[in-house]
Amino acid sequence: METCPICAVRIQGLSVCRRCGADWTRVVAVLADAREHLRSAREAYMDNEADAMLLHAKRAYSKRRSRAARRLLASAAALNRDFELALRIWRLDRQDPTGNTQQSEPEDRSNHQASKG
């Protein structure tokens, strides 16, 4: 996190905003935990441990819905032959190419799109 979401002052590297006093300690910890799970998922891939890769990818994505976490989760799901999850995550990535979303996942619209065309 580079700026305070409340007052927009630069807080890079700080856990408490110097202007408004907002405490971001937990947020910073969750983001660090997400980065650690991404690293662990990549290591599991390098070690040919698909189950561990999927576990860490899911945890990383649950903590921060970044593009990197989404793509790693889709890859891990495919390696574990969970093609339904892989496809769902791949569709999310196509809907939000910026990767900046922190919102909940949109509904699966595959049935709606199929009925249109």
N, C-alpha and C. Protein backbone atom coordinates (compact mmCIF):
# COMPACT_ATOMS: atom_id res chain seq x y z
N MET A 1 0.85 -1.16 0.00
CA MET A 1 0.00 0.00 0.00
C MET A 1 0.91 1.23 0.00
N GLU A 2 0.70 2.11 -0.97
CA GLU A 2 1.54 3.28 -1.10
C GLU A 2 0.92 4.55 -0.55
N THR A 3 -0.42 4.63 -0.62
CA THR A 3 -1.10 5.81 -0.11
C THR A 3 -2.22 5.40 0.84
N CYS A 4 -2.51 6.27 1.77
CA CYS A 4 -3.59 6.04 2.73
C CYS A 4 -4.93 6.12 1.99
N PRO A 5 -5.77 5.09 2.07
CA PRO A 5 -7.06 5.15 1.40
C PRO A 5 -8.02 6.18 2.00
N ILE A 6 -7.72 6.66 3.18
CA ILE A 6 -8.60 7.63 3.83
C ILE A 6 -8.24 9.06 3.42
N CYS A 7 -6.96 9.43 3.53
CA CYS A 7 -6.59 10.82 3.26
C CYS A 7 -5.64 11.00 2.08
N ALA A 8 -5.22 9.92 1.46
CA ALA A 8 -4.40 9.92 0.24
C ALA A 8 -2.97 10.42 0.41
N VAL A 9 -2.46 10.50 1.63
CA VAL A 9 -1.06 10.88 1.82
C VAL A 9 -0.19 9.64 1.59
N ARG A 10 1.05 9.83 1.13
CA ARG A 10 1.96 8.70 0.94
C ARG A 10 2.30 8.07 2.29
N ILE A 11 2.10 6.75 2.37
CA ILE A 11 2.42 6.04 3.61
C ILE A 11 3.35 4.87 3.35
N GLN A 12 3.97 4.86 2.19
CA GLN A 12 4.80 3.73 1.80
C GLN A 12 5.78 3.36 2.92
N GLY A 13 5.68 2.11 3.35
CA GLY A 13 6.55 1.59 4.38
C GLY A 13 6.09 1.87 5.81
N LEU A 14 5.05 2.65 5.98
CA LEU A 14 4.56 2.97 7.31
C LEU A 14 3.32 2.13 7.62
N SER A 15 3.10 1.86 8.89
CA SER A 15 1.89 1.12 9.26
C SER A 15 0.82 2.02 9.87
N VAL A 16 1.18 3.28 10.16
CA VAL A 16 0.22 4.26 10.67
C VAL A 16 0.36 5.52 9.83
N CYS A 17 -0.76 6.03 9.35
CA CYS A 17 -0.76 7.24 8.53
C CYS A 17 -0.34 8.44 9.38
N ARG A 18 0.62 9.19 8.90
CA ARG A 18 1.12 10.34 9.68
C ARG A 18 0.13 11.51 9.67
N ARG A 19 -0.77 11.55 8.69
CA ARG A 19 -1.73 12.66 8.62
C ARG A 19 -3.00 12.37 9.44
N CYS A 20 -3.66 11.25 9.13
CA CYS A 20 -4.96 11.00 9.78
C CYS A 20 -4.88 10.00 10.93
N GLY A 21 -3.75 9.32 11.08
CA GLY A 21 -3.56 8.41 12.19
C GLY A 21 -4.15 7.02 12.00
N ALA A 22 -4.65 6.72 10.78
CA ALA A 22 -5.21 5.40 10.52
C ALA A 22 -4.13 4.33 10.69
N ASP A 23 -4.47 3.27 11.39
CA ASP A 23 -3.53 2.18 11.66
C ASP A 23 -3.72 1.08 10.61
N TRP A 24 -2.72 0.87 9.81
CA TRP A 24 -2.77 -0.11 8.73
C TRP A 24 -1.96 -1.37 9.05
N THR A 25 -1.66 -1.60 10.31
CA THR A 25 -0.83 -2.73 10.72
C THR A 25 -1.40 -4.06 10.22
N ARG A 26 -2.69 -4.28 10.40
CA ARG A 26 -3.29 -5.55 9.97
C ARG A 26 -3.32 -5.68 8.46
N VAL A 27 -3.61 -4.58 7.79
CA VAL A 27 -3.64 -4.61 6.32
C VAL A 27 -2.26 -4.93 5.78
N VAL A 28 -1.24 -4.29 6.32
CA VAL A 28 0.13 -4.54 5.89
C VAL A 28 0.51 -5.99 6.15
N ALA A 29 0.09 -6.54 7.29
CA ALA A 29 0.38 -7.93 7.62
C ALA A 29 -0.31 -8.90 6.65
N VAL A 30 -1.56 -8.62 6.29
CA VAL A 30 -2.28 -9.48 5.35
C VAL A 30 -1.61 -9.44 3.97
N LEU A 31 -1.21 -8.25 3.53
CA LEU A 31 -0.53 -8.14 2.24
C LEU A 31 0.80 -8.89 2.24
N ALA A 32 1.53 -8.81 3.34
CA ALA A 32 2.79 -9.54 3.45
C ALA A 32 2.53 -11.05 3.45
N ASP A 33 1.47 -11.48 4.12
CA ASP A 33 1.11 -12.89 4.14
C ASP A 33 0.73 -13.38 2.74
N ALA A 34 0.02 -12.54 1.99
CA ALA A 34 -0.34 -12.89 0.61
C ALA A 34 0.91 -13.06 -0.24
N ARG A 35 1.87 -12.14 -0.09
CA ARG A 35 3.14 -12.27 -0.85
C ARG A 35 3.87 -13.55 -0.48
N GLU A 36 3.85 -13.91 0.79
CA GLU A 36 4.52 -15.13 1.25
C GLU A 36 3.86 -16.37 0.66
N HIS A 37 2.53 -16.38 0.59
CA HIS A 37 1.84 -17.52 -0.01
C HIS A 37 2.10 -17.60 -1.52
N LEU A 38 2.21 -16.46 -2.19
CA LEU A 38 2.56 -16.48 -3.61
C LEU A 38 3.95 -17.10 -3.80
N ARG A 39 4.88 -16.69 -2.96
CA ARG A 39 6.24 -17.24 -3.03
C ARG A 39 6.23 -18.75 -2.77
N SER A 40 5.46 -19.17 -1.77
CA SER A 40 5.38 -20.60 -1.44
C SER A 40 4.73 -21.39 -2.56
N ALA A 41 3.73 -20.81 -3.22
CA ALA A 41 3.08 -21.49 -4.35
C ALA A 41 4.06 -21.66 -5.50
N ARG A 42 4.85 -20.64 -5.77
CA ARG A 42 5.86 -20.75 -6.84
C ARG A 42 6.92 -21.79 -6.50
N GLU A 43 7.34 -21.83 -5.25
CA GLU A 43 8.31 -22.84 -4.81
C GLU A 43 7.73 -24.24 -4.95
N ALA A 44 6.47 -24.40 -4.58
CA ALA A 44 5.82 -25.71 -4.70
C ALA A 44 5.77 -26.14 -6.16
N TYR A 45 5.52 -25.20 -7.06
CA TYR A 45 5.53 -25.52 -8.49
C TYR A 45 6.91 -26.01 -8.91
N MET A 46 7.94 -25.31 -8.48
CA MET A 46 9.32 -25.70 -8.84
C MET A 46 9.68 -27.06 -8.26
N ASP A 47 9.07 -27.41 -7.14
CA ASP A 47 9.32 -28.71 -6.50
C ASP A 47 8.37 -29.80 -6.96
N ASN A 48 7.54 -29.50 -7.98
CA ASN A 48 6.57 -30.46 -8.52
C ASN A 48 5.55 -30.91 -7.47
N GLU A 49 5.13 -29.99 -6.61
CA GLU A 49 4.16 -30.28 -5.57
C GLU A 49 2.87 -29.54 -5.89
N ALA A 50 2.07 -30.09 -6.78
CA ALA A 50 0.87 -29.42 -7.27
C ALA A 50 -0.15 -29.18 -6.16
N ASP A 51 -0.29 -30.11 -5.23
CA ASP A 51 -1.25 -29.93 -4.13
C ASP A 51 -0.87 -28.73 -3.26
N ALA A 52 0.41 -28.63 -2.91
CA ALA A 52 0.88 -27.51 -2.09
C ALA A 52 0.77 -26.21 -2.87
N MET A 53 1.03 -26.26 -4.16
CA MET A 53 0.89 -25.07 -4.99
C MET A 53 -0.54 -24.54 -4.94
N LEU A 54 -1.50 -25.45 -5.09
CA LEU A 54 -2.90 -25.05 -5.07
C LEU A 54 -3.29 -24.47 -3.71
N LEU A 55 -2.85 -25.10 -2.64
CA LEU A 55 -3.15 -24.62 -1.30
C LEU A 55 -2.65 -23.19 -1.11
N HIS A 56 -1.39 -22.95 -1.45
CA HIS A 56 -0.81 -21.63 -1.26
C HIS A 56 -1.41 -20.61 -2.22
N ALA A 57 -1.72 -21.02 -3.43
CA ALA A 57 -2.34 -20.10 -4.39
C ALA A 57 -3.73 -19.67 -3.90
N LYS A 58 -4.49 -20.61 -3.35
CA LYS A 58 -5.81 -20.27 -2.81
C LYS A 58 -5.69 -19.29 -1.64
N ARG A 59 -4.73 -19.54 -0.77
CA ARG A 59 -4.55 -18.65 0.38
C ARG A 59 -4.09 -17.26 -0.06
N ALA A 60 -3.18 -17.20 -1.02
CA ALA A 60 -2.72 -15.90 -1.52
C ALA A 60 -3.89 -15.13 -2.13
N TYR A 61 -4.71 -15.83 -2.93
CA TYR A 61 -5.83 -15.17 -3.59
C TYR A 61 -6.90 -14.73 -2.59
N SER A 62 -7.07 -15.50 -1.52
CA SER A 62 -8.07 -15.12 -0.52
C SER A 62 -7.63 -13.87 0.25
N LYS A 63 -6.35 -13.64 0.33
CA LYS A 63 -5.84 -12.48 1.06
C LYS A 63 -5.69 -11.24 0.20
N ARG A 64 -5.38 -11.45 -1.09
CA ARG A 64 -5.26 -10.32 -2.01
C ARG A 64 -5.59 -10.80 -3.41
N ARG A 65 -6.66 -10.29 -3.94
CA ARG A 65 -7.14 -10.72 -5.25
C ARG A 65 -6.42 -9.97 -6.37
N SER A 66 -5.13 -10.17 -6.43
CA SER A 66 -4.30 -9.53 -7.45
C SER A 66 -4.28 -10.38 -8.72
N ARG A 67 -3.81 -9.78 -9.79
CA ARG A 67 -3.70 -10.50 -11.05
C ARG A 67 -2.72 -11.67 -10.92
N ALA A 68 -1.61 -11.44 -10.25
CA ALA A 68 -0.62 -12.51 -10.07
C ALA A 68 -1.23 -13.69 -9.31
N ALA A 69 -1.98 -13.40 -8.25
CA ALA A 69 -2.61 -14.46 -7.46
C ALA A 69 -3.66 -15.20 -8.28
N ARG A 70 -4.43 -14.45 -9.07
CA ARG A 70 -5.45 -15.07 -9.92
C ARG A 70 -4.82 -16.02 -10.93
N ARG A 71 -3.78 -15.56 -11.59
CA ARG A 71 -3.15 -16.40 -12.62
C ARG A 71 -2.46 -17.61 -12.02
N LEU A 72 -1.84 -17.43 -10.87
CA LEU A 72 -1.21 -18.57 -10.22
C LEU A 72 -2.25 -19.58 -9.75
N LEU A 73 -3.38 -19.09 -9.26
CA LEU A 73 -4.46 -19.97 -8.83
C LEU A 73 -5.04 -20.74 -10.01
N ALA A 74 -5.26 -20.08 -11.13
CA ALA A 74 -5.79 -20.76 -12.31
C ALA A 74 -4.82 -21.85 -12.77
N SER A 75 -3.53 -21.54 -12.77
CA SER A 75 -2.53 -22.53 -13.16
C SER A 75 -2.48 -23.71 -12.19
N ALA A 76 -2.53 -23.40 -10.91
CA ALA A 76 -2.50 -24.47 -9.90
C ALA A 76 -3.73 -25.35 -10.00
N ALA A 77 -4.88 -24.73 -10.23
CA ALA A 77 -6.12 -25.51 -10.37
C ALA A 77 -6.02 -26.44 -11.58
N ALA A 78 -5.51 -25.93 -12.69
CA ALA A 78 -5.38 -26.75 -13.89
C ALA A 78 -4.40 -27.91 -13.65
N LEU A 79 -3.29 -27.64 -12.98
CA LEU A 79 -2.32 -28.70 -12.69
C LEU A 79 -2.92 -29.78 -11.79
N ASN A 80 -3.88 -29.39 -10.97
CA ASN A 80 -4.56 -30.34 -10.08
C ASN A 80 -5.83 -30.90 -10.70
N ARG A 81 -6.01 -30.64 -11.98
CA ARG A 81 -7.13 -31.15 -12.76
C ARG A 81 -8.48 -30.64 -12.26
N ASP A 82 -8.47 -29.48 -11.60
CA ASP A 82 -9.71 -28.82 -11.19
C ASP A 82 -10.02 -27.79 -12.27
N PHE A 83 -10.49 -28.28 -13.39
CA PHE A 83 -10.69 -27.44 -14.56
C PHE A 83 -11.82 -26.44 -14.38
N GLU A 84 -12.80 -26.79 -13.57
CA GLU A 84 -13.91 -25.86 -13.31
C GLU A 84 -13.38 -24.61 -12.61
N LEU A 85 -12.56 -24.79 -11.57
CA LEU A 85 -11.97 -23.65 -10.87
C LEU A 85 -11.04 -22.88 -11.79
N ALA A 86 -10.21 -23.58 -12.54
CA ALA A 86 -9.27 -22.92 -13.45
C ALA A 86 -10.02 -22.05 -14.45
N LEU A 87 -11.09 -22.56 -15.01
CA LEU A 87 -11.87 -21.79 -15.99
C LEU A 87 -12.55 -20.59 -15.34
N ARG A 88 -13.09 -20.78 -14.14
CA ARG A 88 -13.76 -19.67 -13.43
C ARG A 88 -12.76 -18.54 -13.15
N ILE A 89 -11.57 -18.90 -12.69
CA ILE A 89 -10.56 -17.89 -12.39
C ILE A 89 -10.06 -17.23 -13.68
N TRP A 90 -9.89 -18.02 -14.72
CA TRP A 90 -9.45 -17.47 -16.02
C TRP A 90 -10.47 -16.45 -16.53
N ARG A 91 -11.76 -16.76 -16.37
CA ARG A 91 -12.81 -15.81 -16.79
C ARG A 91 -12.74 -14.53 -15.98
N LEU A 92 -12.48 -14.64 -14.68
CA LEU A 92 -12.33 -13.44 -13.86
C LEU A 92 -11.17 -12.59 -14.36
N ASP A 93 -10.09 -13.23 -14.73
CA ASP A 93 -8.93 -12.50 -15.21
C ASP A 93 -9.25 -11.78 -16.52
N ARG A 94 -10.02 -12.39 -17.36
CA ARG A 94 -10.41 -11.75 -18.63
C ARG A 94 -11.36 -10.59 -18.39
N GLN A 95 -12.22 -10.68 -17.37
CA GLN A 95 -13.16 -9.61 -17.06
C GLN A 95 -12.45 -8.40 -16.46
N ASP A 96 -11.37 -8.64 -15.72
CA ASP A 96 -10.64 -7.55 -15.06
C ASP A 96 -9.16 -7.65 -15.41
N PRO A 97 -8.76 -7.18 -16.59
CA PRO A 97 -7.37 -7.30 -17.00
C PRO A 97 -6.41 -6.44 -16.19
N THR A 98 -6.91 -5.46 -15.43
CA THR A 98 -6.02 -4.61 -14.65
C THR A 98 -5.46 -5.32 -13.43
N GLY A 99 -6.24 -6.26 -12.89
CA GLY A 99 -5.78 -7.00 -11.72
C GLY A 99 -5.83 -6.20 -10.43
N ASN A 100 -6.51 -5.07 -10.45
CA ASN A 100 -6.52 -4.21 -9.28
C ASN A 100 -7.74 -4.38 -8.39
N THR A 101 -8.60 -5.32 -8.70
CA THR A 101 -9.84 -5.45 -7.94
C THR A 101 -9.59 -6.04 -6.56
N GLN A 102 -10.32 -5.55 -5.60
CA GLN A 102 -10.33 -6.12 -4.25
C GLN A 102 -11.76 -6.49 -3.89
N GLN A 103 -12.64 -6.47 -4.89
CA GLN A 103 -14.05 -6.76 -4.66
C GLN A 103 -14.27 -8.27 -4.67
N SER A 104 -15.46 -8.65 -4.28
CA SER A 104 -15.80 -10.07 -4.31
C SER A 104 -15.97 -10.51 -5.76
N GLU A 105 -15.88 -11.80 -5.97
CA GLU A 105 -15.97 -12.34 -7.32
C GLU A 105 -17.37 -12.12 -7.89
N PRO A 106 -17.45 -11.77 -9.18
CA PRO A 106 -18.77 -11.65 -9.80
C PRO A 106 -19.39 -13.02 -9.98
N GLU A 107 -20.70 -13.03 -10.18
CA GLU A 107 -21.39 -14.29 -10.38
C GLU A 107 -20.90 -14.95 -11.66
N ASP A 108 -20.98 -16.27 -11.70
CA ASP A 108 -20.65 -16.99 -12.92
C ASP A 108 -21.76 -16.72 -13.93
N ARG A 109 -21.42 -16.11 -15.04
CA ARG A 109 -22.41 -15.73 -16.03
C ARG A 109 -22.39 -16.63 -17.25
N SER A 110 -21.80 -17.80 -17.15
CA SER A 110 -21.69 -18.68 -18.31
C SER A 110 -23.06 -19.08 -18.84
N ASN A 111 -24.02 -19.35 -17.98
CA ASN A 111 -25.36 -19.72 -18.44
C ASN A 111 -26.05 -18.53 -19.10
N HIS A 112 -25.86 -17.34 -18.57
CA HIS A 112 -26.47 -16.15 -19.11
C HIS A 112 -25.91 -15.86 -20.50
N GLN A 113 -24.59 -15.97 -20.66
CA GLN A 113 -23.96 -15.69 -21.95
C GLN A 113 -24.35 -16.74 -22.98
N ALA A 114 -24.48 -17.98 -22.55
CA ALA A 114 -24.84 -19.04 -23.48
C ALA A 114 -26.26 -18.83 -24.03
N SER A 115 -27.14 -18.28 -23.21
CA SER A 115 -28.51 -18.09 -23.65
C SER A 115 -28.64 -16.92 -24.62
N LYS A 116 -27.65 -16.00 -24.59
CA LYS A 116 -27.69 -14.85 -25.48
C LYS A 116 -27.37 -15.23 -26.92
N GLY A 117 -26.45 -16.14 -27.10
CA GLY A 117 -26.00 -16.30 -28.46
C GLY A 117 -25.93 -17.67 -28.91
